[in-house]
């Protein structure tokens, strides 16, 4: 943690400005922001399981699209609506 002592006759705003500048120069803010959204790398089994689920869903969507049972629905802006498919 950075420490800043108040100088004689120094306003609170200038003290806060000095503190913020010193905190940015130390790199602590960037370090905290990087750690905020850190996720552990999934293990090998989880990667394989999620890949199998993705392939299953992709194959099922492709089958439904080829047979004509998967409707292409669009919203008012012309974007295709995502359809949830149970595996």
PDB file of N, CA and C in Angstrom:
ATOM      1  N   UNK A   1       0.841  -1.182   0.000  1.00  0.00           N
ATOM      2  CA  UNK A   1       0.000   0.000   0.000  1.00  0.00           C
ATOM      3  C   UNK A   1       0.882   1.241   0.000  1.00  0.00           C
ATOM      4  N   UNK A   2       0.496   2.200  -0.776  1.00  0.00           N
ATOM      5  CA  UNK A   2       1.250   3.445  -0.876  1.00  0.00           C
ATOM      6  C   UNK A   2       0.882   4.367   0.283  1.00  0.00           C
ATOM      7  N   UNK A   3       1.869   5.048   0.794  1.00  0.00           N
ATOM      8  CA  UNK A   3       1.642   6.015   1.871  1.00  0.00           C
ATOM      9  C   UNK A   3       2.004   7.400   1.386  1.00  0.00           C
ATOM     10  N   UNK A   4       1.137   8.347   1.694  1.00  0.00           N
ATOM     11  CA  UNK A   4       1.388   9.738   1.352  1.00  0.00           C
ATOM     12  C   UNK A   4       1.068  10.555   2.585  1.00  0.00           C
ATOM     13  N   UNK A   5       2.041  11.340   3.031  1.00  0.00           N
ATOM     14  CA  UNK A   5       1.809  12.190   4.198  1.00  0.00           C
ATOM     15  C   UNK A   5       1.431  13.584   3.737  1.00  0.00           C
ATOM     16  N   UNK A   6       0.512  14.162   4.462  1.00  0.00           N
ATOM     17  CA  UNK A   6       0.019  15.485   4.103  1.00  0.00           C
ATOM     18  C   UNK A   6       1.081  16.538   4.413  1.00  0.00           C
ATOM     19  N   UNK A   7       1.362  17.368   3.401  1.00  0.00           N
ATOM     20  CA  UNK A   7       2.315  18.456   3.593  1.00  0.00           C
ATOM     21  C   UNK A   7       1.624  19.596   4.321  1.00  0.00           C
ATOM     22  N   UNK A   8       2.427  20.473   4.859  1.00  0.00           N
ATOM     23  CA  UNK A   8       1.868  21.616   5.571  1.00  0.00           C
ATOM     24  C   UNK A   8       1.128  22.522   4.591  1.00  0.00           C
ATOM     25  N   UNK A   9      -0.063  22.935   4.954  1.00  0.00           N
ATOM     26  CA  UNK A   9      -0.914  23.827   4.150  1.00  0.00           C
ATOM     27  C   UNK A   9      -1.322  23.192   2.816  1.00  0.00           C
ATOM     28  N   UNK A  10      -1.391  21.857   2.763  1.00  0.00           N
ATOM     29  CA  UNK A  10      -1.786  21.182   1.528  1.00  0.00           C
ATOM     30  C   UNK A  10      -3.275  20.844   1.596  1.00  0.00           C
ATOM     31  N   UNK A  11      -3.971  21.085   0.507  1.00  0.00           N
ATOM     32  CA  UNK A  11      -5.402  20.787   0.487  1.00  0.00           C
ATOM     33  C   UNK A  11      -5.613  19.279   0.333  1.00  0.00           C
ATOM     34  N   UNK A  12      -6.813  18.856   0.686  1.00  0.00           N
ATOM     35  CA  UNK A  12      -7.133  17.440   0.588  1.00  0.00           C
ATOM     36  C   UNK A  12      -7.119  16.965  -0.863  1.00  0.00           C
ATOM     37  N   UNK A  13      -7.584  17.815  -1.790  1.00  0.00           N
ATOM     38  CA  UNK A  13      -7.624  17.441  -3.201  1.00  0.00           C
ATOM     39  C   UNK A  13      -6.226  17.168  -3.756  1.00  0.00           C
ATOM     40  N   UNK A  14      -5.262  18.018  -3.401  1.00  0.00           N
ATOM     41  CA  UNK A  14      -3.901  17.803  -3.902  1.00  0.00           C
ATOM     42  C   UNK A  14      -3.273  16.566  -3.248  1.00  0.00           C
ATOM     43  N   UNK A  15      -3.611  16.315  -1.987  1.00  0.00           N
ATOM     44  CA  UNK A  15      -3.131  15.106  -1.317  1.00  0.00           C
ATOM     45  C   UNK A  15      -3.684  13.863  -2.014  1.00  0.00           C
ATOM     46  N   UNK A  16      -4.962  13.898  -2.317  1.00  0.00           N
ATOM     47  CA  UNK A  16      -5.593  12.775  -3.000  1.00  0.00           C
ATOM     48  C   UNK A  16      -5.007  12.587  -4.399  1.00  0.00           C
ATOM     49  N   UNK A  17      -4.741  13.684  -5.098  1.00  0.00           N
ATOM     50  CA  UNK A  17      -4.143  13.619  -6.429  1.00  0.00           C
ATOM     51  C   UNK A  17      -2.756  12.977  -6.363  1.00  0.00           C
ATOM     52  N   UNK A  18      -1.953  13.374  -5.382  1.00  0.00           N
ATOM     53  CA  UNK A  18      -0.614  12.786  -5.227  1.00  0.00           C
ATOM     54  C   UNK A  18      -0.703  11.292  -4.915  1.00  0.00           C
ATOM     55  N   UNK A  19      -1.665  10.937  -4.063  1.00  0.00           N
ATOM     56  CA  UNK A  19      -1.841   9.531  -3.709  1.00  0.00           C
ATOM     57  C   UNK A  19      -2.228   8.707  -4.936  1.00  0.00           C
ATOM     58  N   UNK A  20      -3.187   9.211  -5.718  1.00  0.00           N
ATOM     59  CA  UNK A  20      -3.629   8.489  -6.915  1.00  0.00           C
ATOM     60  C   UNK A  20      -2.501   8.342  -7.924  1.00  0.00           C
ATOM     61  N   UNK A  21      -1.709   9.386  -8.103  1.00  0.00           N
ATOM     62  CA  UNK A  21      -0.599   9.330  -9.046  1.00  0.00           C
ATOM     63  C   UNK A  21       0.418   8.283  -8.599  1.00  0.00           C
ATOM     64  N   UNK A  22       0.734   8.269  -7.315  1.00  0.00           N
ATOM     65  CA  UNK A  22       1.714   7.315  -6.809  1.00  0.00           C
ATOM     66  C   UNK A  22       1.186   5.879  -6.906  1.00  0.00           C
ATOM     67  N   UNK A  23      -0.111   5.726  -6.692  1.00  0.00           N
ATOM     68  CA  UNK A  23      -0.722   4.404  -6.792  1.00  0.00           C
ATOM     69  C   UNK A  23      -0.678   3.894  -8.233  1.00  0.00           C
ATOM     70  N   UNK A  24      -0.932   4.765  -9.199  1.00  0.00           N
ATOM     71  CA  UNK A  24      -0.863   4.362 -10.605  1.00  0.00           C
ATOM     72  C   UNK A  24       0.563   4.021 -11.015  1.00  0.00           C
ATOM     73  N   UNK A  25       1.524   4.788 -10.547  1.00  0.00           N
ATOM     74  CA  UNK A  25       2.914   4.544 -10.913  1.00  0.00           C
ATOM     75  C   UNK A  25       3.432   3.240 -10.320  1.00  0.00           C
ATOM     76  N   UNK A  26       2.880   2.815  -9.188  1.00  0.00           N
ATOM     77  CA  UNK A  26       3.341   1.573  -8.574  1.00  0.00           C
ATOM     78  C   UNK A  26       2.843   0.346  -9.338  1.00  0.00           C
ATOM     79  N   UNK A  27       1.764   0.498 -10.136  1.00  0.00           N
ATOM     80  CA  UNK A  27       1.249  -0.617 -10.921  1.00  0.00           C
ATOM     81  C   UNK A  27       0.276  -1.499 -10.168  1.00  0.00           C
ATOM     82  N   UNK A  28      -0.127  -1.103  -8.980  1.00  0.00           N
ATOM     83  CA  UNK A  28      -1.037  -1.924  -8.174  1.00  0.00           C
ATOM     84  C   UNK A  28      -2.432  -1.984  -8.787  1.00  0.00           C
ATOM     85  N   UNK A  29      -2.890  -0.889  -9.387  1.00  0.00           N
ATOM     86  CA  UNK A  29      -4.239  -0.852  -9.957  1.00  0.00           C
ATOM     87  C   UNK A  29      -4.342  -1.843 -11.114  1.00  0.00           C
ATOM     88  N   UNK A  30      -3.343  -1.870 -11.976  1.00  0.00           N
ATOM     89  CA  UNK A  30      -3.345  -2.791 -13.115  1.00  0.00           C
ATOM     90  C   UNK A  30      -3.294  -4.234 -12.624  1.00  0.00           C
ATOM     91  N   UNK A  31      -2.493  -4.479 -11.599  1.00  0.00           N
ATOM     92  CA  UNK A  31      -2.369  -5.824 -11.047  1.00  0.00           C
ATOM     93  C   UNK A  31      -3.702  -6.311 -10.476  1.00  0.00           C
ATOM     94  N   UNK A  32      -4.404  -5.443  -9.773  1.00  0.00           N
ATOM     95  CA  UNK A  32      -5.694  -5.809  -9.185  1.00  0.00           C
ATOM     96  C   UNK A  32      -6.724  -6.070 -10.277  1.00  0.00           C
ATOM     97  N   UNK A  33      -6.732  -5.247 -11.324  1.00  0.00           N
ATOM     98  CA  UNK A  33      -7.688  -5.437 -12.415  1.00  0.00           C
ATOM     99  C   UNK A  33      -7.432  -6.754 -13.148  1.00  0.00           C
ATOM    100  N   UNK A  34      -6.174  -7.144 -13.288  1.00  0.00           N
ATOM    101  CA  UNK A  34      -5.862  -8.402 -13.953  1.00  0.00           C
ATOM    102  C   UNK A  34      -6.310  -9.590 -13.110  1.00  0.00           C
ATOM    103  N   UNK A  35      -6.163  -9.494 -11.791  1.00  0.00           N
ATOM    104  CA  UNK A  35      -6.533 -10.596 -10.912  1.00  0.00           C
ATOM    105  C   UNK A  35      -8.037 -10.686 -10.690  1.00  0.00           C
ATOM    106  N   UNK A  36      -8.761  -9.624 -10.977  1.00  0.00           N
ATOM    107  CA  UNK A  36     -10.197  -9.590 -10.706  1.00  0.00           C
ATOM    108  C   UNK A  36     -10.951 -10.646 -11.507  1.00  0.00           C
ATOM    109  N   UNK A  37     -10.586 -10.842 -12.758  1.00  0.00           N
ATOM    110  CA  UNK A  37     -11.304 -11.759 -13.628  1.00  0.00           C
ATOM    111  C   UNK A  37     -10.498 -13.023 -13.930  1.00  0.00           C
ATOM    112  N   UNK A  38      -9.558 -13.373 -13.078  1.00  0.00           N
ATOM    113  CA  UNK A  38      -8.718 -14.543 -13.298  1.00  0.00           C
ATOM    114  C   UNK A  38      -9.540 -15.813 -13.133  1.00  0.00           C
ATOM    115  N   UNK A  39      -9.422 -16.716 -14.086  1.00  0.00           N
ATOM    116  CA  UNK A  39     -10.063 -18.018 -13.995  1.00  0.00           C
ATOM    117  C   UNK A  39      -9.002 -19.089 -14.156  1.00  0.00           C
ATOM    118  N   UNK A  40      -9.121 -20.123 -13.336  1.00  0.00           N
ATOM    119  CA  UNK A  40      -8.181 -21.216 -13.430  1.00  0.00           C
ATOM    120  C   UNK A  40      -8.387 -21.968 -14.740  1.00  0.00           C
ATOM    121  N   UNK A  41      -7.305 -22.488 -15.279  1.00  0.00           N
ATOM    122  CA  UNK A  41      -7.370 -23.278 -16.503  1.00  0.00           C
ATOM    123  C   UNK A  41      -8.128 -24.571 -16.194  1.00  0.00           C
ATOM    124  N   UNK A  42      -9.168 -24.908 -16.986  1.00  0.00           N
ATOM    125  CA  UNK A  42      -9.904 -26.146 -16.713  1.00  0.00           C
ATOM    126  C   UNK A  42      -9.013 -27.361 -16.971  1.00  0.00           C
ATOM    127  N   UNK A  43      -9.264 -28.425 -16.203  1.00  0.00           N
ATOM    128  CA  UNK A  43      -8.422 -29.603 -16.369  1.00  0.00           C
ATOM    129  C   UNK A  43      -8.788 -30.358 -17.650  1.00  0.00           C
ATOM    130  N   UNK A  44      -8.030 -31.394 -17.945  1.00  0.00           N
ATOM    131  CA  UNK A  44      -8.151 -32.108 -19.211  1.00  0.00           C
ATOM    132  C   UNK A  44      -9.540 -32.729 -19.386  1.00  0.00           C
ATOM    133  N   UNK A  45     -10.077 -33.308 -18.314  1.00  0.00           N
ATOM    134  CA  UNK A  45     -11.384 -33.965 -18.411  1.00  0.00           C
ATOM    135  C   UNK A  45     -12.499 -32.963 -18.688  1.00  0.00           C
ATOM    136  N   UNK A  46     -12.449 -31.795 -18.058  1.00  0.00           N
ATOM    137  CA  UNK A  46     -13.479 -30.782 -18.286  1.00  0.00           C
ATOM    138  C   UNK A  46     -13.416 -30.253 -19.712  1.00  0.00           C
ATOM    139  N   UNK A  47     -12.197 -30.079 -20.241  1.00  0.00           N
ATOM    140  CA  UNK A  47     -12.049 -29.622 -21.624  1.00  0.00           C
ATOM    141  C   UNK A  47     -12.667 -30.627 -22.589  1.00  0.00           C
ATOM    142  N   UNK A  48     -12.392 -31.919 -22.367  1.00  0.00           N
ATOM    143  CA  UNK A  48     -12.928 -32.956 -23.240  1.00  0.00           C
ATOM    144  C   UNK A  48     -14.449 -33.008 -23.153  1.00  0.00           C
ATOM    145  N   UNK A  49     -14.980 -32.904 -21.930  1.00  0.00           N
ATOM    146  CA  UNK A  49     -16.432 -32.976 -21.744  1.00  0.00           C
ATOM    147  C   UNK A  49     -17.134 -31.811 -22.435  1.00  0.00           C
ATOM    148  N   UNK A  50     -16.589 -30.610 -22.295  1.00  0.00           N
ATOM    149  CA  UNK A  50     -17.228 -29.458 -22.933  1.00  0.00           C
ATOM    150  C   UNK A  50     -17.116 -29.545 -24.459  1.00  0.00           C
ATOM    151  N   UNK A  51     -16.016 -30.097 -24.957  1.00  0.00           N
ATOM    152  CA  UNK A  51     -15.860 -30.266 -26.402  1.00  0.00           C
ATOM    153  C   UNK A  51     -16.874 -31.276 -26.935  1.00  0.00           C
ATOM    154  N   UNK A  52     -17.121 -32.354 -26.187  1.00  0.00           N
ATOM    155  CA  UNK A  52     -18.107 -33.345 -26.612  1.00  0.00           C
ATOM    156  C   UNK A  52     -19.510 -32.752 -26.649  1.00  0.00           C
ATOM    157  N   UNK A  53     -19.842 -31.945 -25.647  1.00  0.00           N
ATOM    158  CA  UNK A  53     -21.162 -31.308 -25.608  1.00  0.00           C
ATOM    159  C   UNK A  53     -21.319 -30.353 -26.784  1.00  0.00           C
ATOM    160  N   UNK A  54     -20.281 -29.557 -27.071  1.00  0.00           N
ATOM    161  CA  UNK A  54     -20.339 -28.638 -28.216  1.00  0.00           C
ATOM    162  C   UNK A  54     -20.563 -29.398 -29.519  1.00  0.00           C
ATOM    163  N   UNK A  55     -19.829 -30.497 -29.699  1.00  0.00           N
ATOM    164  CA  UNK A  55     -19.969 -31.282 -30.930  1.00  0.00           C
ATOM    165  C   UNK A  55     -21.362 -31.890 -31.052  1.00  0.00           C
ATOM    166  N   UNK A  56     -21.919 -32.355 -29.917  1.00  0.00           N
ATOM    167  CA  UNK A  56     -23.260 -32.929 -29.928  1.00  0.00           C
ATOM    168  C   UNK A  56     -24.297 -31.892 -30.341  1.00  0.00           C
ATOM    169  N   UNK A  57     -24.203 -30.700 -29.748  1.00  0.00           N
ATOM    170  CA  UNK A  57     -25.156 -29.631 -30.061  1.00  0.00           C
ATOM    171  C   UNK A  57     -25.011 -29.210 -31.515  1.00  0.00           C
ATOM    172  N   UNK A  58     -23.776 -29.077 -31.990  1.00  0.00           N
ATOM    173  CA  UNK A  58     -23.531 -28.684 -33.375  1.00  0.00           C
ATOM    174  C   UNK A  58     -24.129 -29.706 -34.347  1.00  0.00           C
ATOM    175  N   UNK A  59     -23.936 -31.002 -34.041  1.00  0.00           N
ATOM    176  CA  UNK A  59     -24.463 -32.051 -34.913  1.00  0.00           C
ATOM    177  C   UNK A  59     -25.990 -32.044 -34.909  1.00  0.00           C
ATOM    178  N   UNK A  60     -26.585 -31.851 -33.734  1.00  0.00           N
ATOM    179  CA  UNK A  60     -28.044 -31.838 -33.644  1.00  0.00           C
ATOM    180  C   UNK A  60     -28.631 -30.645 -34.396  1.00  0.00           C
ATOM    181  N   UNK A  61     -28.005 -29.477 -34.268  1.00  0.00           N
ATOM    182  CA  UNK A  61     -28.475 -28.294 -34.998  1.00  0.00           C
ATOM    183  C   UNK A  61     -28.367 -28.508 -36.504  1.00  0.00           C
ATOM    184  N   UNK A  62     -27.263 -29.095 -36.936  1.00  0.00           N
ATOM    185  CA  UNK A  62     -27.057 -29.330 -38.363  1.00  0.00           C
ATOM    186  C   UNK A  62     -28.111 -30.301 -38.900  1.00  0.00           C
ATOM    187  N   UNK A  63     -28.419 -31.348 -38.127  1.00  0.00           N
ATOM    188  CA  UNK A  63     -29.441 -32.309 -38.540  1.00  0.00           C
ATOM    189  C   UNK A  63     -30.806 -31.628 -38.644  1.00  0.00           C
ATOM    190  N   UNK A  64     -31.168 -30.833 -37.634  1.00  0.00           N
ATOM    191  CA  UNK A  64     -32.459 -30.145 -37.646  1.00  0.00           C
ATOM    192  C   UNK A  64     -32.532 -29.133 -38.785  1.00  0.00           C
ATOM    193  N   UNK A  65     -31.421 -28.470 -39.089  1.00  0.00           N
ATOM    194  CA  UNK A  65     -31.397 -27.497 -40.177  1.00  0.00           C
ATOM    195  C   UNK A  65     -31.589 -28.196 -41.533  1.00  0.00           C
ATOM    196  N   UNK A  66     -30.934 -29.360 -41.706  1.00  0.00           N
ATOM    197  CA  UNK A  66     -31.042 -30.091 -42.970  1.00  0.00           C
ATOM    198  C   UNK A  66     -32.441 -30.662 -43.176  1.00  0.00           C
ATOM    199  N   UNK A  67     -33.076 -31.101 -42.089  1.00  0.00           N
ATOM    200  CA  UNK A  67     -34.417 -31.673 -42.213  1.00  0.00           C
ATOM    201  C   UNK A  67     -35.492 -30.602 -42.249  1.00  0.00           C
ATOM    202  N   UNK A  68     -35.132 -29.359 -42.007  1.00  0.00           N
ATOM    203  CA  UNK A  68     -36.087 -28.261 -42.076  1.00  0.00           C
ATOM    204  C   UNK A  68     -36.881 -28.056 -40.807  1.00  0.00           C
ATOM    205  N   UNK A  69     -36.470 -28.666 -39.718  1.00  0.00           N
ATOM    206  CA  UNK A  69     -37.197 -28.531 -38.456  1.00  0.00           C
ATOM    207  C   UNK A  69     -36.659 -27.407 -37.581  1.00  0.00           C
ATOM    208  N   UNK A  70     -35.575 -26.789 -38.010  1.00  0.00           N
ATOM    209  CA  UNK A  70     -35.003 -25.675 -37.255  1.00  0.00           C
ATOM    210  C   UNK A  70     -35.392 -24.382 -37.962  1.00  0.00           C
ATOM    211  N   UNK A  71     -36.362 -23.660 -37.405  1.00  0.00           N
ATOM    212  CA  UNK A  71     -36.807 -22.436 -38.086  1.00  0.00           C
ATOM    213  C   UNK A  71     -35.792 -21.312 -37.934  1.00  0.00           C
ATOM    214  N   UNK A  72     -35.630 -20.527 -38.978  1.00  0.00           N
ATOM    215  CA  UNK A  72     -34.788 -19.343 -38.910  1.00  0.00           C
ATOM    216  C   UNK A  72     -35.679 -18.173 -38.525  1.00  0.00           C
ATOM    217  N   UNK A  73     -35.673 -17.828 -37.247  1.00  0.00           N
ATOM    218  CA  UNK A  73     -36.501 -16.727 -36.764  1.00  0.00           C
ATOM    219  C   UNK A  73     -35.630 -15.493 -36.606  1.00  0.00           C
ATOM    220  N   UNK A  74     -36.174 -14.352 -37.010  1.00  0.00           N
ATOM    221  CA  UNK A  74     -35.441 -13.102 -36.939  1.00  0.00           C
ATOM    222  C   UNK A  74     -36.211 -12.116 -36.078  1.00  0.00           C
ATOM    223  N   UNK A  75     -35.486 -11.236 -35.383  1.00  0.00           N
ATOM    224  CA  UNK A  75     -36.144 -10.189 -34.605  1.00  0.00           C
ATOM    225  C   UNK A  75     -36.407  -8.984 -35.502  1.00  0.00           C
ATOM    226  N   UNK A  76     -36.908  -7.889 -34.902  1.00  0.00           N
ATOM    227  CA  UNK A  76     -37.298  -6.732 -35.706  1.00  0.00           C
ATOM    228  C   UNK A  76     -36.116  -6.033 -36.370  1.00  0.00           C
ATOM    229  N   UNK A  77     -34.895  -6.258 -35.883  1.00  0.00           N
ATOM    230  CA  UNK A  77     -33.721  -5.629 -36.492  1.00  0.00           C
ATOM    231  C   UNK A  77     -33.060  -6.520 -37.541  1.00  0.00           C
ATOM    232  N   UNK A  78     -33.619  -7.705 -37.778  1.00  0.00           N
ATOM    233  CA  UNK A  78     -33.078  -8.584 -38.799  1.00  0.00           C
ATOM    234  C   UNK A  78     -32.026  -9.548 -38.299  1.00  0.00           C
ATOM    235  N   UNK A  79     -31.795  -9.589 -36.992  1.00  0.00           N
ATOM    236  CA  UNK A  79     -30.812 -10.517 -36.438  1.00  0.00           C
ATOM    237  C   UNK A  79     -31.481 -11.853 -36.139  1.00  0.00           C
ATOM    238  N   UNK A  80     -30.733 -12.940 -36.347  1.00  0.00           N
ATOM    239  CA  UNK A  80     -31.286 -14.263 -36.095  1.00  0.00           C
ATOM    240  C   UNK A  80     -31.370 -14.496 -34.589  1.00  0.00           C
ATOM    241  N   UNK A  81     -32.486 -15.073 -34.151  1.00  0.00           N
ATOM    242  CA  UNK A  81     -32.700 -15.359 -32.739  1.00  0.00           C
ATOM    243  C   UNK A  81     -32.038 -16.694 -32.423  1.00  0.00           C
ATOM    244  N   UNK A  82     -31.287 -16.740 -31.317  1.00  0.00           N
ATOM    245  CA  UNK A  82     -30.650 -17.980 -30.906  1.00  0.00           C
ATOM    246  C   UNK A  82     -31.699 -18.919 -30.330  1.00  0.00           C
ATOM    247  N   UNK A  83     -31.625 -20.169 -30.726  1.00  0.00           N
ATOM    248  CA  UNK A  83     -32.571 -21.170 -30.261  1.00  0.00           C
ATOM    249  C   UNK A  83     -31.819 -22.151 -29.373  1.00  0.00           C
ATOM    250  N   UNK A  84     -32.355 -22.387 -28.177  1.00  0.00           N
ATOM    251  CA  UNK A  84     -31.743 -23.331 -27.246  1.00  0.00           C
ATOM    252  C   UNK A  84     -32.148 -24.743 -27.629  1.00  0.00           C
ATOM    253  N   UNK A  85     -31.175 -25.634 -27.705  1.00  0.00           N
ATOM    254  CA  UNK A  85     -31.431 -27.033 -28.040  1.00  0.00           C
ATOM    255  C   UNK A  85     -30.944 -27.888 -26.888  1.00  0.00           C
ATOM    256  N   UNK A  86     -31.821 -28.769 -26.403  1.00  0.00           N
ATOM    257  CA  UNK A  86     -31.442 -29.678 -25.323  1.00  0.00           C
ATOM    258  C   UNK A  86     -30.714 -30.869 -25.909  1.00  0.00           C
ATOM    259  N   UNK A  87     -29.687 -31.315 -25.203  1.00  0.00           N
ATOM    260  CA  UNK A  87     -28.869 -32.429 -25.691  1.00  0.00           C
ATOM    261  C   UNK A  87     -29.471 -33.739 -25.306  1.00  0.00           C
TER     262      UNK A  87
END
